[in-house]
Amino acid sequence: MRLSASLAALLLVLAALSLAVGTTDFTVDQLLAALTGNDERLALIVYEIRLPRTLLAILIGGSLGLGGAALQGLVRNPLASPSLFGAPSAAALGAVIVISSGIAGALSFALPVAGMVGALASVGALMLLAGRNAPIIVLLLAGLVLSSFAAAGTSLALNLSPNPFAALEVAFWLLGSLEDRSFQHIWMAGPFIVVGSVFIATQARALKVMSLGEDTATSLGVNVRRLRLVLIGGVAMAVGAGVSVAGTVGFIGLVAPHLVRPLVGYDPARVLLPATLAGSCLLLAADLLVRIVPTSGEPLKVGVVTALVGAPFFLGLVLRERRALAGRATL
């Protein structure tokens, strides 16, 4: 509880910084004037430009952290995450097909639906390919295959796009960004993210029992098949909707649970809330870094920042797992 309270306080600080930092930086007095409406010009900047961006970072980062913690608890593997399961890539493919084919525009509710369908197909296919109690190498290889297939499909959709300007816009969108997002994007993706996150959160007790093994969980009354379906559906809904409005944002679902797990123990149920808060904090911090780092051309994309930070973190986890396996082999 103390950790969650600390993360919530950090989240509030980062959210305030997100509202204050931008092309025009605000002082504390200016931010308060904008929030209270005493300065209409500053209030317009905060409420129409920065607040939607901040809320989306909280929603998407939190859903990625929660989804990663749930998947790690489900397969009882510390390297599981939505990114490694190919969910963001598949969600991006679904959204790109809808945009590039002209089926729907960038502000259509068909976009998050397409993203959710893509994410659901990816995670479901991985569970079928890997099977029950799959070793980490099988999960990684299956996730790599699905991610590569989704990336190839996205490239094909861009290549066949009849409008080169639309293809260029989609290519930049795929890098992951919260820039120029509005409340329309929140109304599109927010309900799906919230509902998907609720689905995941309701399975906290079942996840706790699953840590004892599937057979034990079944004997204690847990419907393992239903648990899988609810978690996969919840992750697909939350991650797919987030990717459809912000592009691909990787590694937060992997990093956030690992940051909090040593502080709360290894009970999957206790990791869910801190991982959600940590995910929101990580994406807010990455988005703040995007605004602070100067660039000569296009602004830095938040998906690039999370990948630069998350890839070395993932490499460290793989090396740690290898050392653990080598240690067991010598016993």
C-alpha atoms as a PDB file:
ATOM      1  CA  MET A   1       0.000   0.000   0.000  1.00  0.00           C
ATOM      2  CA  ARG A   2       2.865   2.364   0.807  1.00  0.00           C
ATOM      3  CA  LEU A   3       4.432   1.707  -2.598  1.00  0.00           C
ATOM      4  CA  SER A   4       1.145   2.379  -4.396  1.00  0.00           C
ATOM      5  CA  ALA A   5       0.714   5.630  -2.456  1.00  0.00           C
ATOM      6  CA  SER A   6       4.248   6.711  -3.373  1.00  0.00           C
ATOM      7  CA  LEU A   7       3.699   5.875  -7.038  1.00  0.00           C
ATOM      8  CA  ALA A   8       0.378   7.738  -7.013  1.00  0.00           C
ATOM      9  CA  ALA A   9       2.139  10.806  -5.592  1.00  0.00           C
ATOM     10  CA  LEU A  10       4.851  10.525  -8.261  1.00  0.00           C
ATOM     11  CA  LEU A  11       2.146  10.206 -10.900  1.00  0.00           C
ATOM     12  CA  LEU A  12       0.533  13.450  -9.742  1.00  0.00           C
ATOM     13  CA  VAL A  13       3.888  15.246  -9.892  1.00  0.00           C
ATOM     14  CA  LEU A  14       4.594  13.943 -13.402  1.00  0.00           C
ATOM     15  CA  ALA A  15       1.074  14.852 -14.521  1.00  0.00           C
ATOM     16  CA  ALA A  16       1.571  18.414 -13.251  1.00  0.00           C
ATOM     17  CA  LEU A  17       4.904  18.608 -15.090  1.00  0.00           C
ATOM     18  CA  SER A  18       3.223  17.268 -18.219  1.00  0.00           C
ATOM     19  CA  LEU A  19       0.717  20.121 -18.046  1.00  0.00           C
ATOM     20  CA  ALA A  20       3.438  22.701 -17.406  1.00  0.00           C
ATOM     21  CA  VAL A  21       6.166  21.632 -19.852  1.00  0.00           C
ATOM     22  CA  GLY A  22       5.977  22.236 -23.577  1.00  0.00           C
ATOM     23  CA  THR A  23       6.822  24.789 -26.228  1.00  0.00           C
ATOM     24  CA  THR A  24       5.861  27.355 -23.605  1.00  0.00           C
ATOM     25  CA  ASP A  25       6.834  26.344 -20.080  1.00  0.00           C
ATOM     26  CA  PHE A  26       4.544  27.428 -17.251  1.00  0.00           C
ATOM     27  CA  THR A  27       5.471  28.474 -13.756  1.00  0.00           C
ATOM     28  CA  VAL A  28       3.456  27.125 -10.831  1.00  0.00           C
ATOM     29  CA  ASP A  29       1.421  30.352 -10.686  1.00  0.00           C
ATOM     30  CA  GLN A  30       0.712  30.233 -14.418  1.00  0.00           C
ATOM     31  CA  LEU A  31      -0.342  26.592 -14.245  1.00  0.00           C
ATOM     32  CA  LEU A  32      -2.715  27.332 -11.369  1.00  0.00           C
ATOM     33  CA  ALA A  33      -4.136  30.289 -13.284  1.00  0.00           C
ATOM     34  CA  ALA A  34      -4.697  28.079 -16.307  1.00  0.00           C
ATOM     35  CA  LEU A  35      -6.327  25.280 -14.310  1.00  0.00           C
ATOM     36  CA  THR A  36      -8.659  27.679 -12.508  1.00  0.00           C
ATOM     37  CA  GLY A  37      -9.525  29.536 -15.716  1.00  0.00           C
ATOM     38  CA  ASN A  38      -8.164  32.885 -14.545  1.00  0.00           C
ATOM     39  CA  ASP A  39      -6.020  33.104 -17.688  1.00  0.00           C
ATOM     40  CA  GLU A  40      -8.045  32.095 -20.730  1.00  0.00           C
ATOM     41  CA  ARG A  41      -5.053  31.875 -23.085  1.00  0.00           C
ATOM     42  CA  LEU A  42      -3.125  29.553 -20.807  1.00  0.00           C
ATOM     43  CA  ALA A  43      -6.296  27.595 -19.986  1.00  0.00           C
ATOM     44  CA  LEU A  44      -6.798  26.953 -23.705  1.00  0.00           C
ATOM     45  CA  ILE A  45      -3.277  25.508 -23.994  1.00  0.00           C
ATOM     46  CA  VAL A  46      -3.687  23.302 -20.926  1.00  0.00           C
ATOM     47  CA  TYR A  47      -7.191  21.974 -21.483  1.00  0.00           C
ATOM     48  CA  GLU A  48      -7.163  21.612 -25.268  1.00  0.00           C
ATOM     49  CA  ILE A  49      -3.568  20.531 -25.941  1.00  0.00           C
ATOM     50  CA  ARG A  50      -1.758  19.246 -22.865  1.00  0.00           C
ATOM     51  CA  LEU A  51      -4.509  17.664 -20.759  1.00  0.00           C
ATOM     52  CA  PRO A  52      -5.615  15.135 -23.422  1.00  0.00           C
ATOM     53  CA  ARG A  53      -1.967  14.171 -23.961  1.00  0.00           C
ATOM     54  CA  THR A  54      -1.441  13.720 -20.229  1.00  0.00           C
ATOM     55  CA  LEU A  55      -4.596  11.660 -19.737  1.00  0.00           C
ATOM     56  CA  LEU A  56      -3.739   9.411 -22.671  1.00  0.00           C
ATOM     57  CA  ALA A  57      -0.241   8.819 -21.269  1.00  0.00           C
ATOM     58  CA  ILE A  58      -1.773   7.806 -17.925  1.00  0.00           C
ATOM     59  CA  LEU A  59      -4.360   5.517 -19.516  1.00  0.00           C
ATOM     60  CA  ILE A  60      -2.075   3.852 -22.068  1.00  0.00           C
ATOM     61  CA  GLY A  61       0.938   3.523 -19.766  1.00  0.00           C
ATOM     62  CA  GLY A  62      -1.225   2.114 -16.985  1.00  0.00           C
ATOM     63  CA  SER A  63      -2.895  -0.417 -19.267  1.00  0.00           C
ATOM     64  CA  LEU A  64       0.499  -1.589 -20.580  1.00  0.00           C
ATOM     65  CA  GLY A  65       1.869  -2.011 -17.047  1.00  0.00           C
ATOM     66  CA  LEU A  66      -1.260  -3.837 -15.921  1.00  0.00           C
ATOM     67  CA  GLY A  67      -1.325  -6.040 -19.013  1.00  0.00           C
ATOM     68  CA  GLY A  68       2.327  -6.979 -18.592  1.00  0.00           C
ATOM     69  CA  ALA A  69       1.853  -7.899 -14.933  1.00  0.00           C
ATOM     70  CA  ALA A  70      -1.217  -9.990 -15.775  1.00  0.00           C
ATOM     71  CA  LEU A  71       0.487 -11.881 -18.603  1.00  0.00           C
ATOM     72  CA  GLN A  72       3.549 -12.582 -16.469  1.00  0.00           C
ATOM     73  CA  GLY A  73       1.289 -13.986 -13.769  1.00  0.00           C
ATOM     74  CA  LEU A  74      -0.760 -15.993 -16.264  1.00  0.00           C
ATOM     75  CA  VAL A  75       2.172 -17.805 -17.891  1.00  0.00           C
ATOM     76  CA  ARG A  76       4.309 -17.613 -14.723  1.00  0.00           C
ATOM     77  CA  ASN A  77       7.178 -16.178 -16.710  1.00  0.00           C
ATOM     78  CA  PRO A  78       8.955 -12.877 -15.914  1.00  0.00           C
ATOM     79  CA  LEU A  79       9.720 -12.154 -19.576  1.00  0.00           C
ATOM     80  CA  ALA A  80       6.109 -12.142 -20.747  1.00  0.00           C
ATOM     81  CA  SER A  81       4.656  -8.815 -21.889  1.00  0.00           C
ATOM     82  CA  PRO A  82       2.228  -7.488 -24.512  1.00  0.00           C
ATOM     83  CA  SER A  83       5.176  -6.450 -26.714  1.00  0.00           C
ATOM     84  CA  LEU A  84       6.817  -9.871 -26.657  1.00  0.00           C
ATOM     85  CA  PHE A  85       3.465 -11.464 -27.387  1.00  0.00           C
ATOM     86  CA  GLY A  86       3.202  -9.341 -30.536  1.00  0.00           C
ATOM     87  CA  ALA A  87       0.047  -7.548 -29.352  1.00  0.00           C
ATOM     88  CA  PRO A  88       1.156  -3.947 -30.130  1.00  0.00           C
ATOM     89  CA  SER A  89       2.473  -4.893 -33.578  1.00  0.00           C
ATOM     90  CA  ALA A  90      -0.708  -6.781 -34.430  1.00  0.00           C
ATOM     91  CA  ALA A  91      -2.872  -3.945 -33.092  1.00  0.00           C
ATOM     92  CA  ALA A  92      -0.904  -1.502 -35.234  1.00  0.00           C
ATOM     93  CA  LEU A  93      -1.463  -3.747 -38.256  1.00  0.00           C
ATOM     94  CA  GLY A  94      -5.207  -3.740 -37.687  1.00  0.00           C
ATOM     95  CA  ALA A  95      -5.280   0.038 -37.340  1.00  0.00           C
ATOM     96  CA  VAL A  96      -3.045   0.593 -40.387  1.00  0.00           C
ATOM     97  CA  ILE A  97      -5.243  -1.623 -42.565  1.00  0.00           C
ATOM     98  CA  VAL A  98      -8.300   0.398 -41.573  1.00  0.00           C
ATOM     99  CA  ILE A  99      -6.561   3.741 -42.235  1.00  0.00           C
ATOM    100  CA  SER A 100      -4.657   2.904 -45.428  1.00  0.00           C
ATOM    101  CA  SER A 101      -7.616   1.136 -47.048  1.00  0.00           C
ATOM    102  CA  GLY A 102      -9.883   4.104 -46.393  1.00  0.00           C
ATOM    103  CA  ILE A 103     -12.366   2.036 -44.385  1.00  0.00           C
ATOM    104  CA  ALA A 104     -12.307   4.624 -41.609  1.00  0.00           C
ATOM    105  CA  GLY A 105     -10.530   7.849 -40.718  1.00  0.00           C
ATOM    106  CA  ALA A 106      -8.048   8.498 -37.937  1.00  0.00           C
ATOM    107  CA  LEU A 107     -10.851   9.695 -35.642  1.00  0.00           C
ATOM    108  CA  SER A 108     -13.263   6.840 -36.283  1.00  0.00           C
ATOM    109  CA  PHE A 109     -14.304   4.363 -33.611  1.00  0.00           C
ATOM    110  CA  ALA A 110     -13.464   1.629 -36.122  1.00  0.00           C
ATOM    111  CA  LEU A 111      -9.791   2.342 -35.382  1.00  0.00           C
ATOM    112  CA  PRO A 112      -9.676   1.061 -31.761  1.00  0.00           C
ATOM    113  CA  VAL A 113     -11.913  -1.858 -32.742  1.00  0.00           C
ATOM    114  CA  ALA A 114      -9.433  -2.857 -35.469  1.00  0.00           C
ATOM    115  CA  GLY A 115      -6.570  -2.505 -32.992  1.00  0.00           C
ATOM    116  CA  MET A 116      -8.311  -4.722 -30.451  1.00  0.00           C
ATOM    117  CA  VAL A 117      -9.064  -7.388 -33.050  1.00  0.00           C
ATOM    118  CA  GLY A 118      -5.411  -7.410 -34.115  1.00  0.00           C
ATOM    119  CA  ALA A 119      -4.130  -7.651 -30.537  1.00  0.00           C
ATOM    120  CA  LEU A 120      -6.627 -10.376 -29.660  1.00  0.00           C
ATOM    121  CA  ALA A 121      -5.615 -12.421 -32.703  1.00  0.00           C
ATOM    122  CA  SER A 122      -1.934 -12.077 -31.815  1.00  0.00           C
ATOM    123  CA  VAL A 123      -2.175 -13.041 -28.142  1.00  0.00           C
ATOM    124  CA  GLY A 124      -4.622 -15.846 -28.867  1.00  0.00           C
ATOM    125  CA  ALA A 125      -2.402 -17.238 -31.625  1.00  0.00           C
ATOM    126  CA  LEU A 126       0.627 -17.157 -29.349  1.00  0.00           C
ATOM    127  CA  MET A 127      -1.160 -19.097 -26.624  1.00  0.00           C
ATOM    128  CA  LEU A 128      -2.196 -21.696 -29.216  1.00  0.00           C
ATOM    129  CA  LEU A 129       1.279 -21.920 -30.728  1.00  0.00           C
ATOM    130  CA  ALA A 130       3.168 -22.100 -27.443  1.00  0.00           C
ATOM    131  CA  GLY A 131       0.748 -24.386 -25.639  1.00  0.00           C
ATOM    132  CA  ARG A 132       0.443 -24.906 -21.907  1.00  0.00           C
ATOM    133  CA  ASN A 133       3.446 -24.295 -19.636  1.00  0.00           C
ATOM    134  CA  ALA A 134       5.605 -23.266 -22.583  1.00  0.00           C
ATOM    135  CA  PRO A 135       9.300 -22.641 -21.828  1.00  0.00           C
ATOM    136  CA  ILE A 136      10.571 -19.118 -22.317  1.00  0.00           C
ATOM    137  CA  ILE A 137      12.365 -19.933 -25.573  1.00  0.00           C
ATOM    138  CA  VAL A 138       9.102 -21.128 -27.138  1.00  0.00           C
ATOM    139  CA  LEU A 139       7.260 -17.999 -25.987  1.00  0.00           C
ATOM    140  CA  LEU A 140       9.994 -15.728 -27.325  1.00  0.00           C
ATOM    141  CA  LEU A 141      10.193 -17.497 -30.681  1.00  0.00           C
ATOM    142  CA  ALA A 142       6.414 -17.573 -31.111  1.00  0.00           C
ATOM    143  CA  GLY A 143       6.182 -13.893 -30.157  1.00  0.00           C
ATOM    144  CA  LEU A 144       8.982 -13.067 -32.603  1.00  0.00           C
ATOM    145  CA  VAL A 145       7.190 -14.900 -35.407  1.00  0.00           C
ATOM    146  CA  LEU A 146       3.914 -13.086 -34.737  1.00  0.00           C
ATOM    147  CA  SER A 147       5.592  -9.685 -34.389  1.00  0.00           C
ATOM    148  CA  SER A 148       7.528 -10.229 -37.620  1.00  0.00           C
ATOM    149  CA  PHE A 149       4.372 -11.286 -39.439  1.00  0.00           C
ATOM    150  CA  ALA A 150       2.478  -8.236 -38.171  1.00  0.00           C
ATOM    151  CA  ALA A 151       5.382  -5.929 -39.131  1.00  0.00           C
ATOM    152  CA  ALA A 152       5.484  -7.460 -42.612  1.00  0.00           C
ATOM    153  CA  GLY A 153       1.747  -6.962 -42.973  1.00  0.00           C
ATOM    154  CA  THR A 154       2.073  -3.345 -41.885  1.00  0.00           C
ATOM    155  CA  SER A 155       4.857  -2.750 -44.424  1.00  0.00           C
ATOM    156  CA  LEU A 156       2.731  -4.338 -47.131  1.00  0.00           C
ATOM    157  CA  ALA A 157      -0.239  -2.137 -46.246  1.00  0.00           C
ATOM    158  CA  LEU A 158       1.981   0.947 -46.411  1.00  0.00           C
ATOM    159  CA  ASN A 159       3.517  -0.196 -49.682  1.00  0.00           C
ATOM    160  CA  LEU A 160       0.103  -0.686 -51.285  1.00  0.00           C
ATOM    161  CA  SER A 161      -1.338   2.549 -49.923  1.00  0.00           C
ATOM    162  CA  PRO A 162      -2.678   4.650 -52.831  1.00  0.00           C
ATOM    163  CA  ASN A 163      -1.847   7.903 -51.051  1.00  0.00           C
ATOM    164  CA  PRO A 164       1.884   8.483 -50.374  1.00  0.00           C
ATOM    165  CA  PHE A 165       1.137  11.271 -47.910  1.00  0.00           C
ATOM    166  CA  ALA A 166      -1.145   8.995 -45.900  1.00  0.00           C
ATOM    167  CA  ALA A 167       1.565   6.319 -45.956  1.00  0.00           C
ATOM    168  CA  LEU A 168       4.118   8.805 -44.600  1.00  0.00           C
ATOM    169  CA  GLU A 169       1.739   9.904 -41.860  1.00  0.00           C
ATOM    170  CA  VAL A 170       1.079   6.289 -40.861  1.00  0.00           C
ATOM    171  CA  ALA A 171       4.826   5.563 -40.833  1.00  0.00           C
ATOM    172  CA  PHE A 172       5.408   8.382 -38.324  1.00  0.00           C
ATOM    173  CA  TRP A 173       2.374   7.276 -36.308  1.00  0.00           C
ATOM    174  CA  LEU A 174       3.818   3.773 -35.999  1.00  0.00           C
ATOM    175  CA  LEU A 175       6.815   5.197 -34.125  1.00  0.00           C
ATOM    176  CA  GLY A 176       4.494   5.945 -31.199  1.00  0.00           C
ATOM    177  CA  SER A 177       3.505   9.451 -30.206  1.00  0.00           C
ATOM    178  CA  LEU A 178       1.092  11.355 -27.983  1.00  0.00           C
ATOM    179  CA  GLU A 179       1.595  14.626 -29.811  1.00  0.00           C
ATOM    180  CA  ASP A 180      -1.466  16.481 -31.146  1.00  0.00           C
ATOM    181  CA  ARG A 181      -3.904  14.137 -29.434  1.00  0.00           C
ATOM    182  CA  SER A 182      -7.285  15.523 -28.420  1.00  0.00           C
ATOM    183  CA  PHE A 183     -10.235  14.556 -26.259  1.00  0.00           C
ATOM    184  CA  GLN A 184     -11.666  12.827 -29.320  1.00  0.00           C
ATOM    185  CA  HIS A 185      -8.880  10.266 -29.028  1.00  0.00           C
ATOM    186  CA  ILE A 186      -9.696   9.791 -25.331  1.00  0.00           C
ATOM    187  CA  TRP A 187     -13.383   9.177 -26.098  1.00  0.00           C
ATOM    188  CA  MET A 188     -12.324   6.690 -28.789  1.00  0.00           C
ATOM    189  CA  ALA A 189      -9.847   4.625 -26.787  1.00  0.00           C
ATOM    190  CA  GLY A 190     -10.528   5.463 -23.131  1.00  0.00           C
ATOM    191  CA  PRO A 191     -13.687   3.347 -22.608  1.00  0.00           C
ATOM    192  CA  PHE A 192     -12.052   0.283 -24.153  1.00  0.00           C
ATOM    193  CA  ILE A 193      -8.887   0.742 -22.086  1.00  0.00           C
ATOM    194  CA  VAL A 194     -10.879   1.111 -18.882  1.00  0.00           C
ATOM    195  CA  VAL A 195     -13.135  -1.893 -19.588  1.00  0.00           C
ATOM    196  CA  GLY A 196     -10.163  -4.067 -20.573  1.00  0.00           C
ATOM    197  CA  SER A 197      -8.293  -3.029 -17.427  1.00  0.00           C
ATOM    198  CA  VAL A 198     -11.333  -3.872 -15.276  1.00  0.00           C
ATOM    199  CA  PHE A 199     -11.479  -7.330 -16.868  1.00  0.00           C
ATOM    200  CA  ILE A 200      -7.841  -7.885 -15.876  1.00  0.00           C
ATOM    201  CA  ALA A 201      -8.230  -6.475 -12.350  1.00  0.00           C
ATOM    202  CA  THR A 202     -11.193  -8.733 -11.571  1.00  0.00           C
ATOM    203  CA  GLN A 203      -8.945 -11.777 -12.035  1.00  0.00           C
ATOM    204  CA  ALA A 204      -6.461 -10.787  -9.307  1.00  0.00           C
ATOM    205  CA  ARG A 205      -7.452 -13.592  -6.923  1.00  0.00           C
ATOM    206  CA  ALA A 206      -7.366 -16.209  -9.683  1.00  0.00           C
ATOM    207  CA  LEU A 207      -3.892 -15.016 -10.718  1.00  0.00           C
ATOM    208  CA  LYS A 208      -2.715 -15.408  -7.144  1.00  0.00           C
ATOM    209  CA  VAL A 209      -3.904 -19.005  -7.077  1.00  0.00           C
ATOM    210  CA  MET A 210      -2.388 -19.646 -10.531  1.00  0.00           C
ATOM    211  CA  SER A 211       1.065 -18.998  -9.082  1.00  0.00           C
ATOM    212  CA  LEU A 212       0.718 -22.419  -7.407  1.00  0.00           C
ATOM    213  CA  GLY A 213       0.334 -24.142 -10.785  1.00  0.00           C
ATOM    214  CA  GLU A 214      -2.593 -24.951 -13.056  1.00  0.00           C
ATOM    215  CA  ASP A 215      -3.442 -28.258 -11.436  1.00  0.00           C
ATOM    216  CA  THR A 216      -3.519 -26.744  -7.948  1.00  0.00           C
ATOM    217  CA  ALA A 217      -5.516 -23.760  -9.195  1.00  0.00           C
ATOM    218  CA  THR A 218      -8.071 -26.070 -10.796  1.00  0.00           C
ATOM    219  CA  SER A 219      -8.400 -28.087  -7.589  1.00  0.00           C
ATOM    220  CA  LEU A 220      -9.055 -24.831  -5.697  1.00  0.00           C
ATOM    221  CA  GLY A 221     -11.923 -23.916  -7.982  1.00  0.00           C
ATOM    222  CA  VAL A 222     -10.232 -21.651 -10.546  1.00  0.00           C
ATOM    223  CA  ASN A 223     -11.564 -22.026 -14.073  1.00  0.00           C
ATOM    224  CA  VAL A 224      -8.214 -21.800 -15.876  1.00  0.00           C
ATOM    225  CA  ARG A 225      -9.731 -21.685 -19.353  1.00  0.00           C
ATOM    226  CA  ARG A 226     -12.026 -18.821 -18.385  1.00  0.00           C
ATOM    227  CA  LEU A 227      -9.127 -17.021 -16.692  1.00  0.00           C
ATOM    228  CA  ARG A 228      -7.089 -17.218 -19.893  1.00  0.00           C
ATOM    229  CA  LEU A 229      -9.952 -15.945 -22.033  1.00  0.00           C
ATOM    230  CA  VAL A 230     -10.735 -13.021 -19.717  1.00  0.00           C
ATOM    231  CA  LEU A 231      -7.089 -11.964 -19.390  1.00  0.00           C
ATOM    232  CA  ILE A 232      -6.340 -12.302 -23.088  1.00  0.00           C
ATOM    233  CA  GLY A 233      -9.504 -10.398 -23.940  1.00  0.00           C
ATOM    234  CA  GLY A 234      -8.739  -7.685 -21.404  1.00  0.00           C
ATOM    235  CA  VAL A 235      -5.150  -7.254 -22.585  1.00  0.00           C
ATOM    236  CA  ALA A 236      -6.228  -7.204 -26.230  1.00  0.00           C
ATOM    237  CA  MET A 237      -8.922  -4.629 -25.532  1.00  0.00           C
ATOM    238  CA  ALA A 238      -6.724  -2.296 -23.465  1.00  0.00           C
ATOM    239  CA  VAL A 239      -3.506  -2.591 -25.498  1.00  0.00           C
ATOM    240  CA  GLY A 240      -5.251  -2.638 -28.875  1.00  0.00           C
ATOM    241  CA  ALA A 241      -7.230   0.518 -28.129  1.00  0.00           C
ATOM    242  CA  GLY A 242      -4.136   2.304 -26.823  1.00  0.00           C
ATOM    243  CA  VAL A 243      -2.013   1.423 -29.844  1.00  0.00           C
ATOM    244  CA  SER A 244      -4.769   2.523 -32.220  1.00  0.00           C
ATOM    245  CA  VAL A 245      -4.535   6.137 -31.006  1.00  0.00           C
ATOM    246  CA  ALA A 246      -0.879   6.425 -29.942  1.00  0.00           C
ATOM    247  CA  GLY A 247       0.988   4.017 -32.197  1.00  0.00           C
ATOM    248  CA  THR A 248       3.404   1.378 -30.975  1.00  0.00           C
ATOM    249  CA  VAL A 249       4.781   2.008 -27.475  1.00  0.00           C
ATOM    250  CA  GLY A 250       6.939  -0.907 -26.456  1.00  0.00           C
ATOM    251  CA  PHE A 251       8.566  -2.384 -23.343  1.00  0.00           C
ATOM    252  CA  ILE A 252       6.516  -0.562 -20.694  1.00  0.00           C
ATOM    253  CA  GLY A 253       4.516  -3.740 -20.107  1.00  0.00           C
ATOM    254  CA  LEU A 254       7.787  -5.559 -19.480  1.00  0.00           C
ATOM    255  CA  VAL A 255       9.616  -2.954 -17.404  1.00  0.00           C
ATOM    256  CA  ALA A 256       6.858  -1.704 -15.065  1.00  0.00           C
ATOM    257  CA  PRO A 257       6.087  -5.046 -13.314  1.00  0.00           C
ATOM    258  CA  HIS A 258       9.800  -5.744 -12.816  1.00  0.00           C
ATOM    259  CA  LEU A 259      10.382  -2.379 -11.177  1.00  0.00           C
ATOM    260  CA  VAL A 260       7.726  -2.968  -8.514  1.00  0.00           C
ATOM    261  CA  ARG A 261       7.824  -6.744  -8.020  1.00  0.00           C
ATOM    262  CA  PRO A 262      10.879  -6.802  -5.669  1.00  0.00           C
ATOM    263  CA  LEU A 263       9.111  -4.232  -3.457  1.00  0.00           C
ATOM    264  CA  VAL A 264       5.767  -6.036  -3.102  1.00  0.00           C
ATOM    265  CA  GLY A 265       6.781  -9.683  -3.305  1.00  0.00           C
ATOM    266  CA  TYR A 266       6.051 -12.162  -6.034  1.00  0.00           C
ATOM    267  CA  ASP A 267       2.296 -12.468  -5.549  1.00  0.00           C
ATOM    268  CA  PRO A 268       0.820 -11.624  -9.003  1.00  0.00           C
ATOM    269  CA  ALA A 269      -2.257 -10.061  -7.408  1.00  0.00           C
ATOM    270  CA  ARG A 270      -0.182  -7.592  -5.390  1.00  0.00           C
ATOM    271  CA  VAL A 271       1.801  -6.534  -8.455  1.00  0.00           C
ATOM    272  CA  LEU A 272      -1.192  -5.400 -10.538  1.00  0.00           C
ATOM    273  CA  LEU A 273      -1.898  -1.982  -8.976  1.00  0.00           C
ATOM    274  CA  PRO A 274       1.743  -0.865  -8.512  1.00  0.00           C
ATOM    275  CA  ALA A 275       2.561  -2.033 -12.057  1.00  0.00           C
ATOM    276  CA  THR A 276      -0.362   0.023 -13.390  1.00  0.00           C
ATOM    277  CA  LEU A 277       0.840   3.150 -11.601  1.00  0.00           C
ATOM    278  CA  ALA A 278       4.456   2.502 -12.618  1.00  0.00           C
ATOM    279  CA  GLY A 279       3.407   2.095 -16.260  1.00  0.00           C
ATOM    280  CA  SER A 280       1.623   5.456 -16.200  1.00  0.00           C
ATOM    281  CA  CYS A 281       4.655   7.096 -14.592  1.00  0.00           C
ATOM    282  CA  LEU A 282       7.029   5.603 -17.166  1.00  0.00           C
ATOM    283  CA  LEU A 283       5.022   6.763 -20.163  1.00  0.00           C
ATOM    284  CA  LEU A 284       4.518  10.233 -18.675  1.00  0.00           C
ATOM    285  CA  ALA A 285       8.267  10.488 -17.996  1.00  0.00           C
ATOM    286  CA  ALA A 286       9.071   9.329 -21.547  1.00  0.00           C
ATOM    287  CA  ASP A 287       6.644  11.876 -23.004  1.00  0.00           C
ATOM    288  CA  LEU A 288       8.233  14.618 -20.899  1.00  0.00           C
ATOM    289  CA  LEU A 289      11.667  13.607 -22.186  1.00  0.00           C
ATOM    290  CA  VAL A 290      10.352  13.857 -25.750  1.00  0.00           C
ATOM    291  CA  ARG A 291       9.395  17.492 -25.148  1.00  0.00           C
ATOM    292  CA  ILE A 292      12.643  18.414 -23.390  1.00  0.00           C
ATOM    293  CA  VAL A 293      15.162  16.916 -25.857  1.00  0.00           C
ATOM    294  CA  PRO A 294      15.768  19.427 -28.696  1.00  0.00           C
ATOM    295  CA  THR A 295      15.615  18.161 -32.291  1.00  0.00           C
ATOM    296  CA  SER A 296      16.324  19.935 -35.573  1.00  0.00           C
ATOM    297  CA  GLY A 297      13.498  18.330 -37.532  1.00  0.00           C
ATOM    298  CA  GLU A 298      10.632  16.092 -36.503  1.00  0.00           C
ATOM    299  CA  PRO A 299      10.174  15.886 -32.717  1.00  0.00           C
ATOM    300  CA  LEU A 300      11.396  12.742 -30.986  1.00  0.00           C
ATOM    301  CA  LYS A 301       8.756  10.005 -30.758  1.00  0.00           C
ATOM    302  CA  VAL A 302       7.799   8.502 -27.419  1.00  0.00           C
ATOM    303  CA  GLY A 303       7.885   4.968 -28.846  1.00  0.00           C
ATOM    304  CA  VAL A 304      11.541   5.493 -29.766  1.00  0.00           C
ATOM    305  CA  VAL A 305      12.358   6.587 -26.196  1.00  0.00           C
ATOM    306  CA  THR A 306      10.635   3.601 -24.581  1.00  0.00           C
ATOM    307  CA  ALA A 307      12.422   1.237 -26.981  1.00  0.00           C
ATOM    308  CA  LEU A 308      15.835   2.792 -26.259  1.00  0.00           C
ATOM    309  CA  VAL A 309      15.266   2.335 -22.524  1.00  0.00           C
ATOM    310  CA  GLY A 310      13.391  -0.969 -22.649  1.00  0.00           C
ATOM    311  CA  ALA A 311      15.669  -2.920 -25.001  1.00  0.00           C
ATOM    312  CA  PRO A 312      18.732  -2.834 -22.682  1.00  0.00           C
ATOM    313  CA  PHE A 313      16.451  -3.637 -19.743  1.00  0.00           C
ATOM    314  CA  PHE A 314      15.111  -6.677 -21.592  1.00  0.00           C
ATOM    315  CA  LEU A 315      18.651  -7.765 -22.475  1.00  0.00           C
ATOM    316  CA  GLY A 316      19.571  -7.604 -18.789  1.00  0.00           C
ATOM    317  CA  LEU A 317      16.584  -9.783 -17.909  1.00  0.00           C
ATOM    318  CA  VAL A 318      17.549 -12.355 -20.539  1.00  0.00           C
ATOM    319  CA  LEU A 319      21.122 -12.502 -19.215  1.00  0.00           C
ATOM    320  CA  ARG A 320      19.824 -12.892 -15.671  1.00  0.00           C
ATOM    321  CA  GLU A 321      17.550 -15.735 -16.719  1.00  0.00           C
ATOM    322  CA  ARG A 322      20.465 -17.407 -18.509  1.00  0.00           C
ATOM    323  CA  ARG A 323      22.633 -17.216 -15.395  1.00  0.00           C
ATOM    324  CA  ALA A 324      19.761 -18.631 -13.317  1.00  0.00           C
ATOM    325  CA  LEU A 325      19.352 -21.556 -15.730  1.00  0.00           C
ATOM    326  CA  ALA A 326      23.112 -22.182 -15.716  1.00  0.00           C
ATOM    327  CA  GLY A 327      23.061 -22.179 -11.907  1.00  0.00           C
ATOM    328  CA  ARG A 328      20.274 -24.754 -11.796  1.00  0.00           C
ATOM    329  CA  ALA A 329      22.104 -26.931 -14.317  1.00  0.00           C
ATOM    330  CA  THR A 330      25.195 -27.134 -12.090  1.00  0.00           C
ATOM    331  CA  LEU A 331      23.211 -28.259  -9.042  1.00  0.00           C
END
